């Protein structure tokens, strides 16, 4: 760990985390005053993230949805700061955003489960995204086969609404319509 981490005392704040120098090896998030450091995602994760972001942006543009699809942005949540893999955010707000994205402008937050983030993505992050009032939480699980679970906020918690399985094309209608076969996202280039 660098001196910036070692010289800090007491609970961390969002401002403390945002003041840290960029770390090319880790994603640094904040939960309950403690840093949550995970290694940057590997190639399969990056491949899926890029392809899903691209698919979503093309679909949003095709129906003039007025959103921007972004990867790995700082998102303040109650008692923390998270870096979701992908967010779908109001385009007008995104145009003016700088360091963080306002959770009230986020329509969908997406996490791609990795071995190093699986528990956090399944347990901790959904509760924080729900507390921030984000309408939809999607998780893309790559193991054993790619599948996208679409969950929507209902009475303060996320309820699974739809699962898109590898090998079948599924129509997802909100926040804009698009078709998805999760297997297409994970396929290695030829």
Protein backbone atom coordinates (compact mmCIF):
# COMPACT_ATOMS: atom_id res chain seq x y z
CA UNK A 1 0.00 0.00 0.00
CA UNK A 2 1.15 3.51 -0.69
CA UNK A 3 1.76 6.28 1.84
CA UNK A 4 -1.59 7.91 0.94
CA UNK A 5 -3.39 4.95 2.49
CA UNK A 6 -1.02 4.39 5.41
CA UNK A 7 -1.00 8.02 6.58
CA UNK A 8 -4.80 8.23 6.80
CA UNK A 9 -6.40 7.83 10.21
CA UNK A 10 -10.03 7.33 11.13
CA UNK A 11 -12.96 6.52 8.88
CA UNK A 12 -12.67 7.46 5.23
CA UNK A 13 -15.09 9.91 3.60
CA UNK A 14 -16.18 10.27 -0.01
CA UNK A 15 -14.03 13.40 -0.28
CA UNK A 16 -11.01 11.46 1.07
CA UNK A 17 -11.45 8.74 -1.54
CA UNK A 18 -11.95 11.19 -4.40
CA UNK A 19 -8.75 12.99 -3.35
CA UNK A 20 -6.65 9.81 -3.63
CA UNK A 21 -4.31 9.54 -6.61
CA UNK A 22 -5.55 7.27 -9.39
CA UNK A 23 -4.58 3.66 -8.82
CA UNK A 24 -4.14 1.77 -12.10
CA UNK A 25 -4.20 -1.61 -10.32
CA UNK A 26 -7.34 -1.30 -8.16
CA UNK A 27 -10.86 -0.03 -7.98
CA UNK A 28 -11.18 1.82 -4.69
CA UNK A 29 -14.69 2.06 -3.28
CA UNK A 30 -15.99 3.19 0.11
CA UNK A 31 -18.47 1.35 2.31
CA UNK A 32 -19.20 2.46 5.87
CA UNK A 33 -16.01 4.49 6.24
CA UNK A 34 -13.78 1.60 5.09
CA UNK A 35 -12.01 1.26 1.77
CA UNK A 36 -12.98 -1.64 -0.45
CA UNK A 37 -10.14 -2.34 -2.87
CA UNK A 38 -10.50 -4.85 -5.67
CA UNK A 39 -8.16 -5.63 -8.54
CA UNK A 40 -9.08 -4.14 -11.87
CA UNK A 41 -11.23 -6.55 -13.89
CA UNK A 42 -9.66 -9.21 -16.10
CA UNK A 43 -10.03 -9.65 -19.85
CA UNK A 44 -13.27 -11.71 -19.90
CA UNK A 45 -14.93 -9.14 -17.63
CA UNK A 46 -13.67 -6.23 -19.75
CA UNK A 47 -14.82 -7.92 -22.96
CA UNK A 48 -18.35 -8.40 -21.58
CA UNK A 49 -18.47 -4.88 -20.13
CA UNK A 50 -17.42 -3.23 -23.39
CA UNK A 51 -19.86 -5.28 -25.47
CA UNK A 52 -22.79 -4.73 -23.12
CA UNK A 53 -22.10 -1.00 -22.88
CA UNK A 54 -21.92 -0.78 -26.67
CA UNK A 55 -25.12 -2.80 -27.16
CA UNK A 56 -27.01 -0.67 -24.64
CA UNK A 57 -25.80 2.63 -26.10
CA UNK A 58 -26.72 1.58 -29.65
CA UNK A 59 -30.19 0.48 -28.51
CA UNK A 60 -30.72 3.70 -26.54
CA UNK A 61 -29.63 5.81 -29.50
CA UNK A 62 -31.90 3.88 -31.89
CA UNK A 63 -34.98 4.83 -29.88
CA UNK A 64 -33.74 8.28 -28.85
CA UNK A 65 -33.91 7.32 -25.15
CA UNK A 66 -31.95 10.36 -23.95
CA UNK A 67 -29.44 8.36 -21.92
CA UNK A 68 -25.72 7.77 -21.86
CA UNK A 69 -24.21 4.41 -20.96
CA UNK A 70 -20.99 4.75 -18.97
CA UNK A 71 -18.46 2.33 -17.52
CA UNK A 72 -16.75 2.50 -14.10
CA UNK A 73 -17.94 5.89 -12.81
CA UNK A 74 -17.90 7.15 -9.22
CA UNK A 75 -21.38 6.82 -7.75
CA UNK A 76 -22.08 8.25 -4.27
CA UNK A 77 -24.52 6.12 -2.27
CA UNK A 78 -25.67 6.38 1.35
CA UNK A 79 -22.62 5.71 3.50
CA UNK A 80 -20.28 5.19 0.58
CA UNK A 81 -18.94 5.56 -2.92
CA UNK A 82 -19.23 2.71 -5.42
CA UNK A 83 -17.85 2.15 -8.90
CA UNK A 84 -20.42 0.09 -10.83
CA UNK A 85 -19.30 -1.69 -13.96
CA UNK A 86 -21.92 0.08 -16.08
CA UNK A 87 -24.57 2.75 -15.48
CA UNK A 88 -27.36 4.05 -17.67
CA UNK A 89 -27.76 7.73 -16.81
CA UNK A 90 -29.84 10.67 -18.00
CA UNK A 91 -27.91 12.16 -20.95
CA UNK A 92 -28.50 15.78 -19.98
CA UNK A 93 -27.01 15.15 -16.56
CA UNK A 94 -24.13 13.07 -17.95
CA UNK A 95 -23.14 15.93 -20.24
CA UNK A 96 -22.35 18.09 -17.20
CA UNK A 97 -21.03 15.39 -14.83
CA UNK A 98 -17.40 15.55 -13.80
CA UNK A 99 -16.09 13.37 -10.95
CA UNK A 100 -19.27 11.63 -9.77
CA UNK A 101 -22.68 10.68 -11.13
CA UNK A 102 -25.77 11.63 -9.11
CA UNK A 103 -27.68 8.43 -8.20
CA UNK A 104 -30.97 10.26 -8.83
CA UNK A 105 -29.98 10.49 -12.51
CA UNK A 106 -29.11 6.77 -12.81
CA UNK A 107 -31.78 4.59 -14.41
CA UNK A 108 -29.90 1.28 -14.28
CA UNK A 109 -26.78 0.12 -12.48
CA UNK A 110 -25.05 -3.05 -13.73
CA UNK A 111 -22.48 -5.25 -12.04
CA UNK A 112 -20.58 -8.03 -13.77
CA UNK A 113 -19.82 -10.70 -11.21
CA UNK A 114 -16.15 -11.64 -10.84
CA UNK A 115 -14.58 -14.01 -8.32
CA UNK A 116 -13.07 -11.06 -6.41
CA UNK A 117 -16.36 -9.08 -6.29
CA UNK A 118 -19.06 -11.76 -6.27
CA UNK A 119 -20.14 -11.46 -2.61
CA UNK A 120 -20.04 -7.66 -2.67
CA UNK A 121 -22.00 -7.53 -5.95
CA UNK A 122 -24.66 -9.93 -4.62
CA UNK A 123 -25.01 -8.70 -1.02
CA UNK A 124 -23.53 -5.28 -0.24
CA UNK A 125 -23.97 -3.28 -3.43
CA UNK A 126 -27.66 -4.04 -4.10
CA UNK A 127 -28.60 -2.74 -0.64
CA UNK A 128 -26.63 0.46 -1.19
CA UNK A 129 -28.02 1.00 -4.69
CA UNK A 130 -31.54 0.45 -3.34
CA UNK A 131 -30.93 2.93 -0.51
CA UNK A 132 -29.84 5.44 -3.16
CA UNK A 133 -33.17 4.91 -4.95
CA UNK A 134 -31.79 3.55 -8.22
CA UNK A 135 -34.74 2.01 -10.10
CA UNK A 136 -32.99 -1.02 -11.59
CA UNK A 137 -30.06 -3.26 -10.65
CA UNK A 138 -28.82 -5.75 -13.21
CA UNK A 139 -26.19 -8.37 -12.58
CA UNK A 140 -24.39 -10.27 -15.28
CA UNK A 141 -23.10 -13.62 -14.03
CA UNK A 142 -20.56 -15.33 -16.28
CA UNK A 143 -20.38 -18.64 -14.37
CA UNK A 144 -21.22 -21.33 -15.29
CA UNK A 145 -22.81 -19.76 -18.40
CA UNK A 146 -23.52 -16.07 -19.02
CA UNK A 147 -26.89 -14.83 -17.74
CA UNK A 148 -28.30 -11.39 -17.06
CA UNK A 149 -30.64 -10.97 -14.11
CA UNK A 150 -32.79 -7.84 -14.34
CA UNK A 151 -34.06 -6.59 -10.97
CA UNK A 152 -36.27 -3.60 -10.22
CA UNK A 153 -36.69 -1.59 -7.04
CA UNK A 154 -39.87 -2.54 -5.21
CA UNK A 155 -40.64 -1.33 -1.67
CA UNK A 156 -37.00 -0.53 -0.94
CA UNK A 157 -35.41 -3.72 -2.24
CA UNK A 158 -34.67 -5.29 -5.62
CA UNK A 159 -36.96 -7.97 -7.00
CA UNK A 160 -35.80 -10.14 -9.89
CA UNK A 161 -38.04 -9.46 -12.87
CA UNK A 162 -36.33 -11.25 -15.74
CA UNK A 163 -33.42 -13.58 -16.45
CA UNK A 164 -31.78 -13.68 -19.87
CA UNK A 165 -29.98 -17.00 -20.37
CA UNK A 166 -27.09 -17.83 -22.71
CA UNK A 167 -28.18 -19.41 -25.97
CA UNK A 168 -31.55 -17.65 -26.15
CA UNK A 169 -32.42 -14.15 -27.28
CA UNK A 170 -34.41 -12.25 -24.66
CA UNK A 171 -36.26 -8.99 -25.19
CA UNK A 172 -35.66 -6.46 -22.43
CA UNK A 173 -38.11 -3.57 -22.55
CA UNK A 174 -36.95 -1.11 -19.87
CA UNK A 175 -35.56 1.48 -19.77
CA UNK A 176 -35.55 1.07 -23.57
CA UNK A 177 -36.10 -2.01 -25.75
CA UNK A 178 -33.25 -4.26 -26.85
CA UNK A 179 -32.59 -7.93 -27.53
CA UNK A 180 -29.83 -9.85 -25.79
CA UNK A 181 -28.23 -13.28 -25.84
CA UNK A 182 -25.69 -13.16 -22.97
CA UNK A 183 -23.54 -15.76 -24.76
CA UNK A 184 -22.79 -13.18 -27.46
CA UNK A 185 -21.26 -10.87 -24.85
CA UNK A 186 -18.76 -13.44 -23.57
CA UNK A 187 -17.66 -15.06 -26.84
CA UNK A 188 -13.94 -14.61 -27.50
CA UNK A 189 -13.05 -13.00 -30.86
CA UNK A 190 -12.01 -15.36 -33.61
